[in-house]
Amino acid sequence: MPTPPKGPRLGGGPAHERLMLANLAAALFEHKRITTTVTKAKRLRPYAERLVTFAKRGDLASRRRVLSLISNKGIVHELFTDIATAVENRDGGYTRITKIGNRKGDNAPMAVIELVLDPVSPKQAVVAEAEKAAAKSAPAPVEEEPVSAESASSASAESADSPASAPSAPSAEEAAEAPEADEKK
């Protein structure tokens, strides 16, 4: 038997491992969380996340590829409609593994693997939204004409000749309008 790429086989040959992972993934997508051993959960995580990535892509080729691994059309439909739309803003990390202690019979370490269907944290969503808004509203860079030395010295001489502009007092019309505005409030 060839050496597997990631860790030892899960109790059999490569075909048995492929079928076991496909069945675990189908159960995970159907029930949204399953309890299994830590080793199986760790082996299931990249497999299930890859299938969710195909579901997010959503095209026919991806659907056929997932159907070649999971034979239940109802589960594949749920994966492509419900789960893919729930995680469309998430860049990865579609599953969570939580260790829950050892099994009573054989003392095997157990874990719960579940789909993370919560929306992306509000802080990350706000930051992404702010970045989009900033990129959209950023004005185009305006190039200023280079100022020659002669024009700069003449501009400074003109400003020195004119009296310094002091903040002007409100005109009589503005002063009359202000009390009327206060009365309306």
C-alpha atoms as a PDB file:
ATOM      1  CA  MET A   1       0.000   0.000   0.000  1.00  0.00           C
ATOM      2  CA  PRO A   2       1.456   3.419  -0.927  1.00  0.00           C
ATOM      3  CA  THR A   3       2.245   5.874   1.822  1.00  0.00           C
ATOM      4  CA  PRO A   4      -0.508   8.494   2.125  1.00  0.00           C
ATOM      5  CA  PRO A   5       0.368  12.150   1.684  1.00  0.00           C
ATOM      6  CA  LYS A   6      -0.987  13.279   5.077  1.00  0.00           C
ATOM      7  CA  GLY A   7      -0.722  10.926   7.997  1.00  0.00           C
ATOM      8  CA  PRO A   8      -1.744   7.298   8.278  1.00  0.00           C
ATOM      9  CA  ARG A   9      -4.819   5.840   6.600  1.00  0.00           C
ATOM     10  CA  LEU A  10      -8.024   5.794   8.574  1.00  0.00           C
ATOM     11  CA  GLY A  11      -8.388   2.074   9.208  1.00  0.00           C
ATOM     12  CA  GLY A  12      -7.923   0.641   5.727  1.00  0.00           C
ATOM     13  CA  GLY A  13      -6.877   1.269   2.196  1.00  0.00           C
ATOM     14  CA  PRO A  14      -7.065   4.427   0.154  1.00  0.00           C
ATOM     15  CA  ALA A  15     -10.454   3.598  -1.413  1.00  0.00           C
ATOM     16  CA  HIS A  16     -11.946   2.983   2.028  1.00  0.00           C
ATOM     17  CA  GLU A  17     -10.529   6.293   3.259  1.00  0.00           C
ATOM     18  CA  ARG A  18     -11.997   8.206   0.299  1.00  0.00           C
ATOM     19  CA  LEU A  19     -15.420   6.689   0.925  1.00  0.00           C
ATOM     20  CA  MET A  20     -15.194   7.348   4.652  1.00  0.00           C
ATOM     21  CA  LEU A  21     -14.293  11.019   4.116  1.00  0.00           C
ATOM     22  CA  ALA A  22     -17.084  11.404   1.546  1.00  0.00           C
ATOM     23  CA  ASN A  23     -19.618   9.938   3.992  1.00  0.00           C
ATOM     24  CA  LEU A  24     -18.348  12.119   6.845  1.00  0.00           C
ATOM     25  CA  ALA A  25     -18.579  15.207   4.618  1.00  0.00           C
ATOM     26  CA  ALA A  26     -22.119  14.277   3.547  1.00  0.00           C
ATOM     27  CA  ALA A  27     -23.143  13.859   7.191  1.00  0.00           C
ATOM     28  CA  LEU A  28     -21.493  17.182   8.062  1.00  0.00           C
ATOM     29  CA  PHE A  29     -23.345  19.043   5.306  1.00  0.00           C
ATOM     30  CA  GLU A  30     -26.631  17.354   6.211  1.00  0.00           C
ATOM     31  CA  HIS A  31     -26.507  17.885   9.994  1.00  0.00           C
ATOM     32  CA  LYS A  32     -24.190  20.952  10.106  1.00  0.00           C
ATOM     33  CA  ARG A  33     -22.194  19.315  12.958  1.00  0.00           C
ATOM     34  CA  ILE A  34     -21.038  15.800  13.727  1.00  0.00           C
ATOM     35  CA  THR A  35     -19.194  14.099  16.564  1.00  0.00           C
ATOM     36  CA  THR A  36     -16.243  11.943  15.556  1.00  0.00           C
ATOM     37  CA  THR A  37     -12.701  11.180  16.618  1.00  0.00           C
ATOM     38  CA  VAL A  38     -10.127  13.959  16.558  1.00  0.00           C
ATOM     39  CA  THR A  39      -8.103  12.201  13.863  1.00  0.00           C
ATOM     40  CA  LYS A  40     -11.080  11.843  11.534  1.00  0.00           C
ATOM     41  CA  ALA A  41     -12.119  15.437  12.168  1.00  0.00           C
ATOM     42  CA  LYS A  42      -8.653  16.712  11.291  1.00  0.00           C
ATOM     43  CA  ARG A  43      -8.628  14.646   8.091  1.00  0.00           C
ATOM     44  CA  LEU A  44     -12.165  15.770   7.217  1.00  0.00           C
ATOM     45  CA  ARG A  45     -11.519  19.515   7.589  1.00  0.00           C
ATOM     46  CA  PRO A  46      -9.530  20.152   4.350  1.00  0.00           C
ATOM     47  CA  TYR A  47     -11.786  17.769   2.417  1.00  0.00           C
ATOM     48  CA  ALA A  48     -14.991  19.512   3.501  1.00  0.00           C
ATOM     49  CA  GLU A  49     -13.565  23.010   3.055  1.00  0.00           C
ATOM     50  CA  ARG A  50     -12.535  22.166  -0.477  1.00  0.00           C
ATOM     51  CA  LEU A  51     -16.079  21.019  -1.253  1.00  0.00           C
ATOM     52  CA  VAL A  52     -17.479  24.250   0.198  1.00  0.00           C
ATOM     53  CA  THR A  53     -15.085  26.201  -2.013  1.00  0.00           C
ATOM     54  CA  PHE A  54     -16.440  24.343  -5.049  1.00  0.00           C
ATOM     55  CA  ALA A  55     -19.969  25.146  -3.891  1.00  0.00           C
ATOM     56  CA  LYS A  56     -19.107  28.843  -3.583  1.00  0.00           C
ATOM     57  CA  ARG A  57     -17.918  28.781  -7.182  1.00  0.00           C
ATOM     58  CA  GLY A  58     -21.377  27.492  -8.093  1.00  0.00           C
ATOM     59  CA  ASP A  59     -20.917  26.527 -11.740  1.00  0.00           C
ATOM     60  CA  LEU A  60     -22.023  23.289 -13.357  1.00  0.00           C
ATOM     61  CA  ALA A  61     -18.537  21.797 -13.481  1.00  0.00           C
ATOM     62  CA  SER A  62     -18.124  22.337  -9.738  1.00  0.00           C
ATOM     63  CA  ARG A  63     -21.508  20.760  -9.045  1.00  0.00           C
ATOM     64  CA  ARG A  64     -20.602  17.700 -11.116  1.00  0.00           C
ATOM     65  CA  ARG A  65     -17.241  17.443  -9.376  1.00  0.00           C
ATOM     66  CA  VAL A  66     -18.892  17.458  -5.954  1.00  0.00           C
ATOM     67  CA  LEU A  67     -21.532  14.973  -7.162  1.00  0.00           C
ATOM     68  CA  SER A  68     -18.731  12.596  -8.133  1.00  0.00           C
ATOM     69  CA  LEU A  69     -17.649  12.552  -4.476  1.00  0.00           C
ATOM     70  CA  ILE A  70     -21.008  12.827  -2.671  1.00  0.00           C
ATOM     71  CA  SER A  71     -23.705  10.776  -4.369  1.00  0.00           C
ATOM     72  CA  ASN A  72     -26.724  12.221  -2.524  1.00  0.00           C
ATOM     73  CA  LYS A  73     -28.197  14.933  -4.764  1.00  0.00           C
ATOM     74  CA  GLY A  74     -30.230  16.436  -1.912  1.00  0.00           C
ATOM     75  CA  ILE A  75     -27.128  17.045   0.191  1.00  0.00           C
ATOM     76  CA  VAL A  76     -25.257  18.523  -2.784  1.00  0.00           C
ATOM     77  CA  HIS A  77     -28.204  20.815  -3.489  1.00  0.00           C
ATOM     78  CA  GLU A  78     -28.221  21.964   0.148  1.00  0.00           C
ATOM     79  CA  LEU A  79     -24.453  22.535  -0.026  1.00  0.00           C
ATOM     80  CA  PHE A  80     -24.723  24.680  -3.159  1.00  0.00           C
ATOM     81  CA  THR A  81     -27.780  26.689  -2.113  1.00  0.00           C
ATOM     82  CA  ASP A  82     -27.849  27.067   1.679  1.00  0.00           C
ATOM     83  CA  ILE A  83     -24.281  26.560   2.842  1.00  0.00           C
ATOM     84  CA  ALA A  84     -22.569  28.351  -0.062  1.00  0.00           C
ATOM     85  CA  THR A  85     -24.746  31.445   0.348  1.00  0.00           C
ATOM     86  CA  ALA A  86     -24.190  31.459   4.121  1.00  0.00           C
ATOM     87  CA  VAL A  87     -20.390  31.516   3.722  1.00  0.00           C
ATOM     88  CA  GLU A  88     -20.062  33.615   0.546  1.00  0.00           C
ATOM     89  CA  ASN A  89     -18.319  36.503   2.381  1.00  0.00           C
ATOM     90  CA  ARG A  90     -15.960  34.199   4.273  1.00  0.00           C
ATOM     91  CA  ASP A  91     -12.520  33.646   2.731  1.00  0.00           C
ATOM     92  CA  GLY A  92     -11.899  30.316   4.431  1.00  0.00           C
ATOM     93  CA  GLY A  93     -12.274  28.548   7.731  1.00  0.00           C
ATOM     94  CA  TYR A  94     -15.676  27.072   6.994  1.00  0.00           C
ATOM     95  CA  THR A  95     -15.338  24.418   9.714  1.00  0.00           C
ATOM     96  CA  ARG A  96     -14.565  24.443  13.415  1.00  0.00           C
ATOM     97  CA  ILE A  97     -13.175  21.545  15.454  1.00  0.00           C
ATOM     98  CA  THR A  98     -13.866  21.454  19.194  1.00  0.00           C
ATOM     99  CA  LYS A  99     -12.360  18.699  21.351  1.00  0.00           C
ATOM    100  CA  ILE A 100     -14.871  17.247  23.805  1.00  0.00           C
ATOM    101  CA  GLY A 101     -12.948  14.641  25.776  1.00  0.00           C
ATOM    102  CA  ASN A 102     -12.490  10.917  25.446  1.00  0.00           C
ATOM    103  CA  ARG A 103     -15.018   8.270  24.426  1.00  0.00           C
ATOM    104  CA  LYS A 104     -16.216   6.089  27.274  1.00  0.00           C
ATOM    105  CA  GLY A 105     -15.674   2.692  25.665  1.00  0.00           C
ATOM    106  CA  ASP A 106     -12.171   2.849  24.212  1.00  0.00           C
ATOM    107  CA  ASN A 107     -10.930   6.210  25.543  1.00  0.00           C
ATOM    108  CA  ALA A 108     -10.521   7.591  22.010  1.00  0.00           C
ATOM    109  CA  PRO A 109     -10.200  11.402  21.882  1.00  0.00           C
ATOM    110  CA  MET A 110     -13.442  12.827  20.488  1.00  0.00           C
ATOM    111  CA  ALA A 111     -14.234  16.106  18.756  1.00  0.00           C
ATOM    112  CA  VAL A 112     -17.176  17.963  17.284  1.00  0.00           C
ATOM    113  CA  ILE A 113     -16.651  19.312  13.783  1.00  0.00           C
ATOM    114  CA  GLU A 114     -19.205  21.892  12.695  1.00  0.00           C
ATOM    115  CA  LEU A 115     -19.799  24.318   9.865  1.00  0.00           C
ATOM    116  CA  VAL A 116     -19.202  27.977  10.681  1.00  0.00           C
ATOM    117  CA  LEU A 117     -22.312  29.587   9.221  1.00  0.00           C
ATOM    118  CA  ASP A 118     -22.163  32.768  11.300  1.00  0.00           C
ATOM    119  CA  PRO A 119     -21.628  35.933   9.303  1.00  0.00           C
ATOM    120  CA  VAL A 120     -18.124  37.328   9.218  1.00  0.00           C
ATOM    121  CA  SER A 121     -17.422  39.348  12.366  1.00  0.00           C
ATOM    122  CA  PRO A 122     -18.976  42.823  12.247  1.00  0.00           C
ATOM    123  CA  LYS A 123     -15.602  44.506  12.620  1.00  0.00           C
ATOM    124  CA  GLN A 124     -14.216  42.789   9.517  1.00  0.00           C
ATOM    125  CA  ALA A 125     -17.372  43.602   7.551  1.00  0.00           C
ATOM    126  CA  VAL A 126     -17.190  47.281   8.555  1.00  0.00           C
ATOM    127  CA  VAL A 127     -13.499  47.482   7.648  1.00  0.00           C
ATOM    128  CA  ALA A 128     -14.111  45.921   4.230  1.00  0.00           C
ATOM    129  CA  GLU A 129     -17.044  48.255   3.603  1.00  0.00           C
ATOM    130  CA  ALA A 130     -15.010  51.309   4.641  1.00  0.00           C
ATOM    131  CA  GLU A 131     -12.149  50.323   2.352  1.00  0.00           C
ATOM    132  CA  LYS A 132     -14.545  50.005  -0.594  1.00  0.00           C
ATOM    133  CA  ALA A 133     -16.113  53.377   0.174  1.00  0.00           C
ATOM    134  CA  ALA A 134     -12.725  55.043   0.554  1.00  0.00           C
ATOM    135  CA  ALA A 135     -11.522  53.630  -2.748  1.00  0.00           C
ATOM    136  CA  LYS A 136     -14.720  54.737  -4.474  1.00  0.00           C
ATOM    137  CA  SER A 137     -14.813  58.274  -3.061  1.00  0.00           C
ATOM    138  CA  ALA A 138     -11.097  59.008  -3.270  1.00  0.00           C
ATOM    139  CA  PRO A 139     -10.661  61.962  -5.643  1.00  0.00           C
ATOM    140  CA  ALA A 140      -8.415  61.574  -8.605  1.00  0.00           C
ATOM    141  CA  PRO A 141      -5.009  63.105  -7.979  1.00  0.00           C
ATOM    142  CA  VAL A 142      -4.954  66.683  -9.276  1.00  0.00           C
ATOM    143  CA  GLU A 143      -1.704  67.900 -10.688  1.00  0.00           C
ATOM    144  CA  GLU A 144      -0.822  71.477  -9.826  1.00  0.00           C
ATOM    145  CA  GLU A 145       1.044  73.654 -12.260  1.00  0.00           C
ATOM    146  CA  PRO A 146       4.630  74.239 -11.221  1.00  0.00           C
ATOM    147  CA  VAL A 147       5.119  77.751  -9.901  1.00  0.00           C
ATOM    148  CA  SER A 148       8.106  79.627 -11.260  1.00  0.00           C
ATOM    149  CA  ALA A 149      10.279  81.744  -8.950  1.00  0.00           C
ATOM    150  CA  GLU A 150       9.208  85.038 -10.580  1.00  0.00           C
ATOM    151  CA  SER A 151       5.480  84.380 -10.252  1.00  0.00           C
ATOM    152  CA  ALA A 152       5.893  83.197  -6.652  1.00  0.00           C
ATOM    153  CA  SER A 153       7.752  86.379  -5.650  1.00  0.00           C
ATOM    154  CA  SER A 154       5.194  88.624  -7.371  1.00  0.00           C
ATOM    155  CA  ALA A 155       2.300  86.775  -5.665  1.00  0.00           C
ATOM    156  CA  SER A 156       3.901  87.210  -2.247  1.00  0.00           C
ATOM    157  CA  ALA A 157       4.486  90.945  -2.939  1.00  0.00           C
ATOM    158  CA  GLU A 158       0.817  91.441  -3.873  1.00  0.00           C
ATOM    159  CA  SER A 159      -0.361  89.718  -0.700  1.00  0.00           C
ATOM    160  CA  ALA A 160       1.940  91.923   1.395  1.00  0.00           C
ATOM    161  CA  ASP A 161       0.469  95.122  -0.172  1.00  0.00           C
ATOM    162  CA  SER A 162      -3.153  94.144   0.535  1.00  0.00           C
ATOM    163  CA  PRO A 163      -4.454  94.540   4.065  1.00  0.00           C
ATOM    164  CA  ALA A 164      -4.650  91.380   6.125  1.00  0.00           C
ATOM    165  CA  SER A 165      -8.040  89.858   5.814  1.00  0.00           C
ATOM    166  CA  ALA A 166      -9.689  89.736   9.194  1.00  0.00           C
ATOM    167  CA  PRO A 167     -12.718  87.591   9.872  1.00  0.00           C
ATOM    168  CA  SER A 168     -15.648  89.723   8.789  1.00  0.00           C
ATOM    169  CA  ALA A 169     -18.563  90.378  11.082  1.00  0.00           C
ATOM    170  CA  PRO A 170     -21.944  89.093   9.953  1.00  0.00           C
ATOM    171  CA  SER A 171     -23.843  91.526   7.768  1.00  0.00           C
ATOM    172  CA  ALA A 172     -27.027  93.175   8.973  1.00  0.00           C
ATOM    173  CA  GLU A 173     -29.192  90.844   6.884  1.00  0.00           C
ATOM    174  CA  GLU A 174     -27.556  87.736   8.368  1.00  0.00           C
ATOM    175  CA  ALA A 175     -27.913  89.165  11.878  1.00  0.00           C
ATOM    176  CA  ALA A 176     -31.621  89.770  11.285  1.00  0.00           C
ATOM    177  CA  GLU A 177     -32.175  86.241   9.906  1.00  0.00           C
ATOM    178  CA  ALA A 178     -30.491  84.501  12.838  1.00  0.00           C
ATOM    179  CA  PRO A 179     -33.123  85.428  15.503  1.00  0.00           C
ATOM    180  CA  GLU A 180     -35.932  84.455  13.130  1.00  0.00           C
ATOM    181  CA  ALA A 181     -34.359  81.023  12.621  1.00  0.00           C
ATOM    182  CA  ASP A 182     -34.095  80.549  16.398  1.00  0.00           C
ATOM    183  CA  GLU A 183     -37.776  81.444  16.866  1.00  0.00           C
ATOM    184  CA  LYS A 184     -38.862  78.851  14.283  1.00  0.00           C
ATOM    185  CA  LYS A 185     -37.094  76.095  16.188  1.00  0.00           C
END
